Amino acid sequence: MIRPSVKEQLHPRNRLRGGYDFARLLAGSPGLRSFVADNAYGDLSIDYANPDAVKALNQALLKDAYGIGNWDIPAGYLCPPIPGRSDYVHYLADLPGIAKGAHVLDIGTGASCIYPLIGAAEYGWRFVGSEIDLAALQWARKAVAANPSVPNLIECRLQRSPLACFDGVVKPGETFDLSMCNPPFHASAEAAAEGTRRKHRNLGRGRSSAPVLNFGGQAGELWCDGGELGFIRRMIAESAGRPGLCRWFTTLVSKSAHLPAVDRALEAAGARDVQTVDMAQGQKRSRIVAWTFRRS
């Protein structure tokens, strides 16, 4: 059986669809050099279990692909894989009625502010990024201010309620073309820790090694009351109370087993159109669910 490559899996407009050109990345980001070596197949790569290597790779990718030359995150915070994050942005651009210059709400933008940075650089979208963690919010604002091409396109706002997606963030009369969200995956800190250990084993570090948070993550990034499904159900209920807020409400859904419950919640909420988009990067599978209350 021939397995599809990353190049074949990613969105056709994804700038990283051809894989990582490490020679090019090293030329533009010399700081990456200390983390790059030949892998078992004789190709240049990094140790993906090393959080410093993952961050250095992200910095090089953002600079090379999107012109984001000043980006950093504090230790322990989520360090997102750039190709998959880019795919979410590209698939949203394919939704009906979405054009360049769209107004987007990113729910839980994180210290990385990754979706606004990519969306502003790629499509000129205007973003509001919400965040419940004050330290993460400050880092997101720092990243925006440090990159001259995007400051006028991105505003980061504090969300004071961990149970709200739109209330407390959206200004009176404000509307959006899109909302987007990467919900916390786990329902508890214990479940998140086990997920980290499992990922650590998958990276070949074995059961006896101390787990390393190669991609990091804090409470609001990795777990919340009710986990992913609970968060999405709350978002759907809140969207039904403000149906005109967004042309399209969207969220990532990591677990395919959650889709039937999400579909039932959207039907009960009165969504007029629901679209599900499958995404893949390597062995990782995810999907976007988008819904609207507007008539076609």
C-alpha atoms as a PDB file:
ATOM      1  CA  MET A   1       0.000   0.000   0.000  1.00  0.00           C
ATOM      2  CA  ILE A   2       1.320   3.453  -0.917  1.00  0.00           C
ATOM      3  CA  ARG A   3       0.694   5.916   1.876  1.00  0.00           C
ATOM      4  CA  PRO A   4       0.009   9.560   0.944  1.00  0.00           C
ATOM      5  CA  SER A   5       2.867  11.920   1.692  1.00  0.00           C
ATOM      6  CA  VAL A   6       2.571  15.119   3.707  1.00  0.00           C
ATOM      7  CA  LYS A   7       2.753  16.955   0.391  1.00  0.00           C
ATOM      8  CA  GLU A   8      -0.339  15.125  -0.855  1.00  0.00           C
ATOM      9  CA  GLN A   9      -2.264  15.523   2.406  1.00  0.00           C
ATOM     10  CA  LEU A  10      -1.930  19.253   3.013  1.00  0.00           C
ATOM     11  CA  HIS A  11      -4.153  21.904   1.429  1.00  0.00           C
ATOM     12  CA  PRO A  12      -3.092  22.787  -2.139  1.00  0.00           C
ATOM     13  CA  ARG A  13      -2.282  26.376  -1.115  1.00  0.00           C
ATOM     14  CA  ASN A  14      -0.285  25.382   1.954  1.00  0.00           C
ATOM     15  CA  ARG A  15       3.217  26.846   1.543  1.00  0.00           C
ATOM     16  CA  LEU A  16       4.657  23.851   3.426  1.00  0.00           C
ATOM     17  CA  ARG A  17       3.010  21.240   1.230  1.00  0.00           C
ATOM     18  CA  GLY A  18       6.342  20.276  -0.299  1.00  0.00           C
ATOM     19  CA  GLY A  19       7.828  19.394   3.083  1.00  0.00           C
ATOM     20  CA  TYR A  20      10.657  21.157   4.903  1.00  0.00           C
ATOM     21  CA  ASP A  21      13.576  22.467   2.864  1.00  0.00           C
ATOM     22  CA  PHE A  22      16.112  22.438   5.685  1.00  0.00           C
ATOM     23  CA  ALA A  23      18.907  23.871   3.533  1.00  0.00           C
ATOM     24  CA  ARG A  24      16.723  26.897   2.786  1.00  0.00           C
ATOM     25  CA  LEU A  25      15.537  27.171   6.393  1.00  0.00           C
ATOM     26  CA  LEU A  26      19.094  27.069   7.706  1.00  0.00           C
ATOM     27  CA  ALA A  27      20.162  29.789   5.291  1.00  0.00           C
ATOM     28  CA  GLY A  28      17.454  32.098   6.608  1.00  0.00           C
ATOM     29  CA  SER A  29      17.567  31.038  10.260  1.00  0.00           C
ATOM     30  CA  PRO A  30      21.081  30.065  11.364  1.00  0.00           C
ATOM     31  CA  GLY A  31      19.844  29.519  14.929  1.00  0.00           C
ATOM     32  CA  LEU A  32      18.143  26.341  13.739  1.00  0.00           C
ATOM     33  CA  ARG A  33      21.486  24.775  12.769  1.00  0.00           C
ATOM     34  CA  SER A  34      22.352  23.328  16.185  1.00  0.00           C
ATOM     35  CA  PHE A  35      19.132  21.253  16.141  1.00  0.00           C
ATOM     36  CA  VAL A  36      19.415  19.806  12.619  1.00  0.00           C
ATOM     37  CA  ALA A  37      21.096  16.482  11.849  1.00  0.00           C
ATOM     38  CA  ASP A  38      20.720  13.490   9.555  1.00  0.00           C
ATOM     39  CA  ASN A  39      17.923  11.152  10.604  1.00  0.00           C
ATOM     40  CA  ALA A  40      17.818   7.372  10.198  1.00  0.00           C
ATOM     41  CA  TYR A  41      16.943   7.782   6.517  1.00  0.00           C
ATOM     42  CA  GLY A  42      19.850  10.110   5.791  1.00  0.00           C
ATOM     43  CA  ASP A  43      17.618  13.191   5.542  1.00  0.00           C
ATOM     44  CA  LEU A  44      18.040  16.425   7.472  1.00  0.00           C
ATOM     45  CA  SER A  45      15.597  16.665  10.366  1.00  0.00           C
ATOM     46  CA  ILE A  46      15.254  17.626  14.023  1.00  0.00           C
ATOM     47  CA  ASP A  47      14.504  15.761  17.238  1.00  0.00           C
ATOM     48  CA  TYR A  48      10.756  16.391  17.575  1.00  0.00           C
ATOM     49  CA  ALA A  49      10.885  15.343  21.230  1.00  0.00           C
ATOM     50  CA  ASN A  50      13.083  18.368  21.984  1.00  0.00           C
ATOM     51  CA  PRO A  51      10.925  21.460  22.726  1.00  0.00           C
ATOM     52  CA  ASP A  52      13.763  23.851  21.885  1.00  0.00           C
ATOM     53  CA  ALA A  53      14.215  22.191  18.488  1.00  0.00           C
ATOM     54  CA  VAL A  54      10.473  22.358  17.758  1.00  0.00           C
ATOM     55  CA  LYS A  55      10.370  26.059  18.636  1.00  0.00           C
ATOM     56  CA  ALA A  56      13.443  26.821  16.513  1.00  0.00           C
ATOM     57  CA  LEU A  57      11.853  25.006  13.570  1.00  0.00           C
ATOM     58  CA  ASN A  58       8.628  26.993  14.005  1.00  0.00           C
ATOM     59  CA  GLN A  59      10.562  30.247  14.065  1.00  0.00           C
ATOM     60  CA  ALA A  60      12.341  29.304  10.836  1.00  0.00           C
ATOM     61  CA  LEU A  61       9.108  28.202   9.125  1.00  0.00           C
ATOM     62  CA  LEU A  62       7.190  31.339  10.072  1.00  0.00           C
ATOM     63  CA  LYS A  63      10.010  33.532   8.840  1.00  0.00           C
ATOM     64  CA  ASP A  64      10.506  31.680   5.574  1.00  0.00           C
ATOM     65  CA  ALA A  65       6.869  31.034   4.625  1.00  0.00           C
ATOM     66  CA  TYR A  66       5.067  34.060   6.053  1.00  0.00           C
ATOM     67  CA  GLY A  67       7.633  36.766   6.732  1.00  0.00           C
ATOM     68  CA  ILE A  68       6.984  36.530  10.486  1.00  0.00           C
ATOM     69  CA  GLY A  69      10.541  37.165  11.600  1.00  0.00           C
ATOM     70  CA  ASN A  70       9.992  37.857  15.304  1.00  0.00           C
ATOM     71  CA  TRP A  71       8.119  35.096  17.099  1.00  0.00           C
ATOM     72  CA  ASP A  72       8.618  33.393  20.445  1.00  0.00           C
ATOM     73  CA  ILE A  73       6.625  31.741  23.229  1.00  0.00           C
ATOM     74  CA  PRO A  74       7.333  31.292  26.936  1.00  0.00           C
ATOM     75  CA  ALA A  75       8.521  27.937  28.247  1.00  0.00           C
ATOM     76  CA  GLY A  76       5.739  25.416  28.776  1.00  0.00           C
ATOM     77  CA  TYR A  77       3.191  27.001  26.440  1.00  0.00           C
ATOM     78  CA  LEU A  78       1.751  25.313  23.379  1.00  0.00           C
ATOM     79  CA  CYS A  79       4.139  25.317  20.411  1.00  0.00           C
ATOM     80  CA  PRO A  80       1.847  24.611  17.436  1.00  0.00           C
ATOM     81  CA  PRO A  81       2.800  22.585  14.353  1.00  0.00           C
ATOM     82  CA  ILE A  82       2.795  25.184  11.583  1.00  0.00           C
ATOM     83  CA  PRO A  83       1.619  23.062   8.598  1.00  0.00           C
ATOM     84  CA  GLY A  84      -1.575  21.929  10.329  1.00  0.00           C
ATOM     85  CA  ARG A  85      -2.341  25.397  11.641  1.00  0.00           C
ATOM     86  CA  SER A  86      -1.881  26.786   8.141  1.00  0.00           C
ATOM     87  CA  ASP A  87      -4.296  24.195   6.756  1.00  0.00           C
ATOM     88  CA  TYR A  88      -7.094  25.375   9.073  1.00  0.00           C
ATOM     89  CA  VAL A  89      -6.664  28.908   7.738  1.00  0.00           C
ATOM     90  CA  HIS A  90      -6.643  27.767   4.102  1.00  0.00           C
ATOM     91  CA  TYR A  91      -9.761  25.622   4.446  1.00  0.00           C
ATOM     92  CA  LEU A  92     -11.622  28.513   6.068  1.00  0.00           C
ATOM     93  CA  ALA A  93     -10.714  30.649   3.053  1.00  0.00           C
ATOM     94  CA  ASP A  94     -12.575  28.090   0.910  1.00  0.00           C
ATOM     95  CA  LEU A  95     -15.901  28.571   2.732  1.00  0.00           C
ATOM     96  CA  PRO A  96     -18.633  30.354   0.737  1.00  0.00           C
ATOM     97  CA  GLY A  97     -18.570  34.120   1.111  1.00  0.00           C
ATOM     98  CA  ILE A  98     -15.070  34.349   2.606  1.00  0.00           C
ATOM     99  CA  ALA A  99     -12.686  36.725   0.857  1.00  0.00           C
ATOM    100  CA  LYS A 100      -9.437  38.540   1.460  1.00  0.00           C
ATOM    101  CA  GLY A 101      -9.764  41.095   4.219  1.00  0.00           C
ATOM    102  CA  ALA A 102     -12.251  38.951   6.158  1.00  0.00           C
ATOM    103  CA  HIS A 103     -12.912  39.798   9.824  1.00  0.00           C
ATOM    104  CA  VAL A 104     -12.065  36.784  12.021  1.00  0.00           C
ATOM    105  CA  LEU A 105     -12.479  35.922  15.698  1.00  0.00           C
ATOM    106  CA  ASP A 106      -9.889  33.453  17.014  1.00  0.00           C
ATOM    107  CA  ILE A 107     -11.184  31.904  20.238  1.00  0.00           C
ATOM    108  CA  GLY A 108      -8.229  31.081  22.493  1.00  0.00           C
ATOM    109  CA  THR A 109      -5.436  32.552  20.426  1.00  0.00           C
ATOM    110  CA  GLY A 110      -2.719  31.351  22.821  1.00  0.00           C
ATOM    111  CA  ALA A 111       0.727  32.750  23.490  1.00  0.00           C
ATOM    112  CA  SER A 112       1.698  31.815  19.920  1.00  0.00           C
ATOM    113  CA  CYS A 113      -1.087  33.886  18.309  1.00  0.00           C
ATOM    114  CA  ILE A 114      -0.515  31.495  15.437  1.00  0.00           C
ATOM    115  CA  TYR A 115      -3.796  31.677  13.525  1.00  0.00           C
ATOM    116  CA  PRO A 116      -3.957  35.485  13.410  1.00  0.00           C
ATOM    117  CA  LEU A 117      -0.313  35.734  12.344  1.00  0.00           C
ATOM    118  CA  ILE A 118      -0.753  33.239   9.509  1.00  0.00           C
ATOM    119  CA  GLY A 119      -4.184  34.507   8.436  1.00  0.00           C
ATOM    120  CA  ALA A 120      -3.076  38.146   8.404  1.00  0.00           C
ATOM    121  CA  ALA A 121       0.111  37.351   6.481  1.00  0.00           C
ATOM    122  CA  GLU A 122      -1.544  34.979   3.999  1.00  0.00           C
ATOM    123  CA  TYR A 123      -4.906  36.632   3.314  1.00  0.00           C
ATOM    124  CA  GLY A 124      -4.814  40.064   4.903  1.00  0.00           C
ATOM    125  CA  TRP A 125      -7.567  38.995   7.296  1.00  0.00           C
ATOM    126  CA  ARG A 126      -8.337  41.250  10.273  1.00  0.00           C
ATOM    127  CA  PHE A 127      -8.348  39.368  13.565  1.00  0.00           C
ATOM    128  CA  VAL A 128      -9.595  39.607  17.102  1.00  0.00           C
ATOM    129  CA  GLY A 129      -7.805  37.002  19.204  1.00  0.00           C
ATOM    130  CA  SER A 130      -9.293  36.179  22.615  1.00  0.00           C
ATOM    131  CA  GLU A 131      -7.359  34.574  25.468  1.00  0.00           C
ATOM    132  CA  ILE A 132      -8.150  33.736  29.129  1.00  0.00           C
ATOM    133  CA  ASP A 133      -4.505  33.447  30.231  1.00  0.00           C
ATOM    134  CA  LEU A 134      -3.063  36.922  30.872  1.00  0.00           C
ATOM    135  CA  ALA A 135       0.546  35.809  30.374  1.00  0.00           C
ATOM    136  CA  ALA A 136      -0.349  34.169  27.059  1.00  0.00           C
ATOM    137  CA  LEU A 137      -2.226  37.308  26.015  1.00  0.00           C
ATOM    138  CA  GLN A 138       0.820  39.467  26.726  1.00  0.00           C
ATOM    139  CA  TRP A 139       3.044  37.187  24.624  1.00  0.00           C
ATOM    140  CA  ALA A 140       0.526  37.211  21.780  1.00  0.00           C
ATOM    141  CA  ARG A 141       0.455  41.020  21.830  1.00  0.00           C
ATOM    142  CA  LYS A 142       4.251  41.052  21.840  1.00  0.00           C
ATOM    143  CA  ALA A 143       4.363  38.840  18.737  1.00  0.00           C
ATOM    144  CA  VAL A 144       1.906  41.101  16.928  1.00  0.00           C
ATOM    145  CA  ALA A 145       3.810  44.273  17.817  1.00  0.00           C
ATOM    146  CA  ALA A 146       7.151  42.741  16.776  1.00  0.00           C
ATOM    147  CA  ASN A 147       6.099  42.068  13.176  1.00  0.00           C
ATOM    148  CA  PRO A 148       5.589  45.257  11.133  1.00  0.00           C
ATOM    149  CA  SER A 149       3.353  43.615   8.511  1.00  0.00           C
ATOM    150  CA  VAL A 150       0.523  42.641  10.898  1.00  0.00           C
ATOM    151  CA  PRO A 151      -0.003  45.008  13.900  1.00  0.00           C
ATOM    152  CA  ASN A 152      -2.875  46.910  12.270  1.00  0.00           C
ATOM    153  CA  LEU A 153      -4.632  43.637  11.436  1.00  0.00           C
ATOM    154  CA  ILE A 154      -4.622  41.887  14.833  1.00  0.00           C
ATOM    155  CA  GLU A 155      -6.133  42.881  18.185  1.00  0.00           C
ATOM    156  CA  CYS A 156      -5.764  40.590  21.214  1.00  0.00           C
ATOM    157  CA  ARG A 157      -8.414  40.776  23.948  1.00  0.00           C
ATOM    158  CA  LEU A 158      -8.706  39.235  27.405  1.00  0.00           C
ATOM    159  CA  GLN A 159     -11.543  36.753  27.933  1.00  0.00           C
ATOM    160  CA  ARG A 160     -12.346  36.718  31.646  1.00  0.00           C
ATOM    161  CA  SER A 161     -14.699  33.712  31.603  1.00  0.00           C
ATOM    162  CA  PRO A 162     -13.317  30.229  30.805  1.00  0.00           C
ATOM    163  CA  LEU A 163     -16.857  29.109  29.961  1.00  0.00           C
ATOM    164  CA  ALA A 164     -17.604  31.806  27.361  1.00  0.00           C
ATOM    165  CA  CYS A 165     -16.530  32.014  23.739  1.00  0.00           C
ATOM    166  CA  PHE A 166     -18.164  35.228  22.554  1.00  0.00           C
ATOM    167  CA  ASP A 167     -19.671  36.933  25.600  1.00  0.00           C
ATOM    168  CA  GLY A 168     -17.272  39.344  27.255  1.00  0.00           C
ATOM    169  CA  VAL A 169     -15.047  39.650  24.174  1.00  0.00           C
ATOM    170  CA  VAL A 170     -17.251  40.857  21.331  1.00  0.00           C
ATOM    171  CA  LYS A 171     -18.034  44.574  21.321  1.00  0.00           C
ATOM    172  CA  PRO A 172     -21.614  45.855  20.845  1.00  0.00           C
ATOM    173  CA  GLY A 173     -22.565  45.789  17.175  1.00  0.00           C
ATOM    174  CA  GLU A 174     -19.407  43.906  16.176  1.00  0.00           C
ATOM    175  CA  THR A 175     -19.728  41.085  13.610  1.00  0.00           C
ATOM    176  CA  PHE A 176     -17.332  38.676  11.959  1.00  0.00           C
ATOM    177  CA  ASP A 177     -17.050  36.717   8.757  1.00  0.00           C
ATOM    178  CA  LEU A 178     -15.513  33.794  10.632  1.00  0.00           C
ATOM    179  CA  SER A 179     -14.837  32.443  14.073  1.00  0.00           C
ATOM    180  CA  MET A 180     -12.212  29.755  14.584  1.00  0.00           C
ATOM    181  CA  CYS A 181     -11.113  27.688  17.553  1.00  0.00           C
ATOM    182  CA  ASN A 182      -8.776  24.871  18.534  1.00  0.00           C
ATOM    183  CA  PRO A 183     -10.562  23.649  21.684  1.00  0.00           C
ATOM    184  CA  PRO A 184      -8.793  22.144  24.691  1.00  0.00           C
ATOM    185  CA  PHE A 185      -8.592  18.439  23.980  1.00  0.00           C
ATOM    186  CA  HIS A 186      -8.684  16.883  27.449  1.00  0.00           C
ATOM    187  CA  ALA A 187     -11.152  16.991  30.338  1.00  0.00           C
ATOM    188  CA  SER A 188      -8.536  17.016  33.134  1.00  0.00           C
ATOM    189  CA  ALA A 189      -4.887  17.619  33.924  1.00  0.00           C
ATOM    190  CA  GLU A 190      -4.446  13.876  34.480  1.00  0.00           C
ATOM    191  CA  ALA A 191      -5.784  13.048  31.010  1.00  0.00           C
ATOM    192  CA  ALA A 192      -3.533  15.697  29.475  1.00  0.00           C
ATOM    193  CA  ALA A 193      -0.486  14.252  31.252  1.00  0.00           C
ATOM    194  CA  GLU A 194      -1.280  10.771  29.961  1.00  0.00           C
ATOM    195  CA  GLY A 195      -1.673  12.171  26.449  1.00  0.00           C
ATOM    196  CA  THR A 196       1.777  13.731  26.759  1.00  0.00           C
ATOM    197  CA  ARG A 197       3.262  10.417  27.930  1.00  0.00           C
ATOM    198  CA  ARG A 198       1.625   8.585  25.030  1.00  0.00           C
ATOM    199  CA  LYS A 199       2.958  11.090  22.509  1.00  0.00           C
ATOM    200  CA  HIS A 200       6.377  10.811  24.139  1.00  0.00           C
ATOM    201  CA  ARG A 201       6.335   7.028  23.653  1.00  0.00           C
ATOM    202  CA  ASN A 202       5.255   7.466  20.035  1.00  0.00           C
ATOM    203  CA  LEU A 203       8.314   9.653  19.477  1.00  0.00           C
ATOM    204  CA  GLY A 204      10.456   6.698  20.554  1.00  0.00           C
ATOM    205  CA  ARG A 205      11.398   7.792  24.063  1.00  0.00           C
ATOM    206  CA  GLY A 206      10.052   4.642  25.739  1.00  0.00           C
ATOM    207  CA  ARG A 207       8.117   4.193  28.968  1.00  0.00           C
ATOM    208  CA  SER A 208      10.944   4.790  31.410  1.00  0.00           C
ATOM    209  CA  SER A 209      12.025   8.220  30.214  1.00  0.00           C
ATOM    210  CA  ALA A 210      10.647  11.333  31.855  1.00  0.00           C
ATOM    211  CA  PRO A 211       8.089  12.893  29.494  1.00  0.00           C
ATOM    212  CA  VAL A 212       9.069  16.037  27.658  1.00  0.00           C
ATOM    213  CA  LEU A 213       6.465  18.614  26.652  1.00  0.00           C
ATOM    214  CA  ASN A 214       7.828  19.003  23.146  1.00  0.00           C
ATOM    215  CA  PHE A 215       4.771  20.960  22.038  1.00  0.00           C
ATOM    216  CA  GLY A 216       3.990  22.285  25.524  1.00  0.00           C
ATOM    217  CA  GLY A 217       0.608  23.409  26.770  1.00  0.00           C
ATOM    218  CA  GLN A 218      -1.064  25.013  29.762  1.00  0.00           C
ATOM    219  CA  ALA A 219      -4.426  24.319  31.412  1.00  0.00           C
ATOM    220  CA  GLY A 220      -6.562  26.375  29.040  1.00  0.00           C
ATOM    221  CA  GLU A 221      -4.669  25.015  26.045  1.00  0.00           C
ATOM    222  CA  LEU A 222      -4.804  21.312  26.918  1.00  0.00           C
ATOM    223  CA  TRP A 223      -7.808  20.712  29.166  1.00  0.00           C
ATOM    224  CA  CYS A 224     -11.084  22.243  30.340  1.00  0.00           C
ATOM    225  CA  ASP A 225     -14.342  21.225  32.016  1.00  0.00           C
ATOM    226  CA  GLY A 226     -15.957  18.649  29.741  1.00  0.00           C
ATOM    227  CA  GLY A 227     -12.957  18.380  27.431  1.00  0.00           C
ATOM    228  CA  GLU A 228     -13.222  19.019  23.712  1.00  0.00           C
ATOM    229  CA  LEU A 229     -16.840  17.932  23.328  1.00  0.00           C
ATOM    230  CA  GLY A 230     -18.034  19.949  26.324  1.00  0.00           C
ATOM    231  CA  PHE A 231     -16.275  23.055  25.020  1.00  0.00           C
ATOM    232  CA  ILE A 232     -17.759  22.671  21.524  1.00  0.00           C
ATOM    233  CA  ARG A 233     -21.273  22.118  22.884  1.00  0.00           C
ATOM    234  CA  ARG A 234     -20.990  25.338  24.886  1.00  0.00           C
ATOM    235  CA  MET A 235     -19.743  27.171  21.796  1.00  0.00           C
ATOM    236  CA  ILE A 236     -22.660  25.907  19.702  1.00  0.00           C
ATOM    237  CA  ALA A 237     -25.187  26.918  22.339  1.00  0.00           C
ATOM    238  CA  GLU A 238     -23.642  30.376  22.591  1.00  0.00           C
ATOM    239  CA  SER A 239     -23.578  30.770  18.804  1.00  0.00           C
ATOM    240  CA  ALA A 240     -27.302  29.945  18.632  1.00  0.00           C
ATOM    241  CA  GLY A 241     -27.945  32.856  20.986  1.00  0.00           C
ATOM    242  CA  ARG A 242     -26.051  35.211  18.633  1.00  0.00           C
ATOM    243  CA  PRO A 243     -26.738  33.737  15.175  1.00  0.00           C
ATOM    244  CA  GLY A 244     -25.846  36.916  13.313  1.00  0.00           C
ATOM    245  CA  LEU A 245     -22.451  37.331  14.964  1.00  0.00           C
ATOM    246  CA  CYS A 246     -20.549  35.305  12.333  1.00  0.00           C
ATOM    247  CA  ARG A 247     -21.179  34.311   8.756  1.00  0.00           C
ATOM    248  CA  TRP A 248     -19.475  31.023   9.632  1.00  0.00           C
ATOM    249  CA  PHE A 249     -18.761  29.650  13.101  1.00  0.00           C
ATOM    250  CA  THR A 250     -16.020  27.000  13.000  1.00  0.00           C
ATOM    251  CA  THR A 251     -14.033  24.728  15.282  1.00  0.00           C
ATOM    252  CA  LEU A 252     -11.487  21.970  15.051  1.00  0.00           C
ATOM    253  CA  VAL A 253     -12.693  18.543  16.208  1.00  0.00           C
ATOM    254  CA  SER A 254      -9.795  16.234  17.057  1.00  0.00           C
ATOM    255  CA  LYS A 255     -11.825  13.115  17.860  1.00  0.00           C
ATOM    256  CA  SER A 256     -13.993  11.724  15.055  1.00  0.00           C
ATOM    257  CA  ALA A 257     -16.071   9.973  17.735  1.00  0.00           C
ATOM    258  CA  HIS A 258     -17.328  13.414  18.803  1.00  0.00           C
ATOM    259  CA  LEU A 259     -18.851  14.227  15.404  1.00  0.00           C
ATOM    260  CA  PRO A 260     -22.287  12.591  15.953  1.00  0.00           C
ATOM    261  CA  ALA A 261     -22.781  14.531  19.191  1.00  0.00           C
ATOM    262  CA  VAL A 262     -21.597  17.750  17.516  1.00  0.00           C
ATOM    263  CA  ASP A 263     -24.041  17.181  14.628  1.00  0.00           C
ATOM    264  CA  ARG A 264     -26.917  16.620  17.064  1.00  0.00           C
ATOM    265  CA  ALA A 265     -26.055  19.791  18.941  1.00  0.00           C
ATOM    266  CA  LEU A 266     -25.954  21.797  15.703  1.00  0.00           C
ATOM    267  CA  GLU A 267     -29.304  20.386  14.579  1.00  0.00           C
ATOM    268  CA  ALA A 268     -30.852  21.271  17.930  1.00  0.00           C
ATOM    269  CA  ALA A 269     -29.346  24.770  17.693  1.00  0.00           C
ATOM    270  CA  GLY A 270     -31.007  25.353  14.314  1.00  0.00           C
ATOM    271  CA  ALA A 271     -27.893  25.603  12.119  1.00  0.00           C
ATOM    272  CA  ARG A 272     -28.970  25.988   8.482  1.00  0.00           C
ATOM    273  CA  ASP A 273     -25.798  24.654   6.889  1.00  0.00           C
ATOM    274  CA  VAL A 274     -23.070  22.458   8.393  1.00  0.00           C
ATOM    275  CA  GLN A 275     -19.845  21.551   6.605  1.00  0.00           C
ATOM    276  CA  THR A 276     -17.189  19.114   7.799  1.00  0.00           C
ATOM    277  CA  VAL A 277     -13.695  19.230   6.304  1.00  0.00           C
ATOM    278  CA  ASP A 278     -11.199  16.427   6.931  1.00  0.00           C
ATOM    279  CA  MET A 279      -7.554  17.357   7.431  1.00  0.00           C
ATOM    280  CA  ALA A 280      -4.401  15.254   7.744  1.00  0.00           C
ATOM    281  CA  GLN A 281      -0.728  15.784   8.437  1.00  0.00           C
ATOM    282  CA  GLY A 282       1.347  12.633   8.626  1.00  0.00           C
ATOM    283  CA  GLN A 283      -0.390  10.250  11.039  1.00  0.00           C
ATOM    284  CA  LYS A 284      -2.455  13.009  12.639  1.00  0.00           C
ATOM    285  CA  ARG A 285      -6.087  13.281  11.578  1.00  0.00           C
ATOM    286  CA  SER A 286      -8.440  16.114  12.431  1.00  0.00           C
ATOM    287  CA  ARG A 287     -11.419  17.912  10.975  1.00  0.00           C
ATOM    288  CA  ILE A 288     -13.050  21.312  10.829  1.00  0.00           C
ATOM    289  CA  VAL A 289     -16.760  21.686  11.526  1.00  0.00           C
ATOM    290  CA  ALA A 290     -18.298  24.905  10.179  1.00  0.00           C
ATOM    291  CA  TRP A 291     -21.873  26.038  10.647  1.00  0.00           C
ATOM    292  CA  THR A 292     -24.017  29.022   9.787  1.00  0.00           C
ATOM    293  CA  PHE A 293     -27.473  30.283  10.705  1.00  0.00           C
ATOM    294  CA  ARG A 294     -27.778  32.313   7.521  1.00  0.00           C
ATOM    295  CA  ARG A 295     -29.852  31.294   4.544  1.00  0.00           C
ATOM    296  CA  SER A 296     -27.920  30.244   1.454  1.00  0.00           C
END
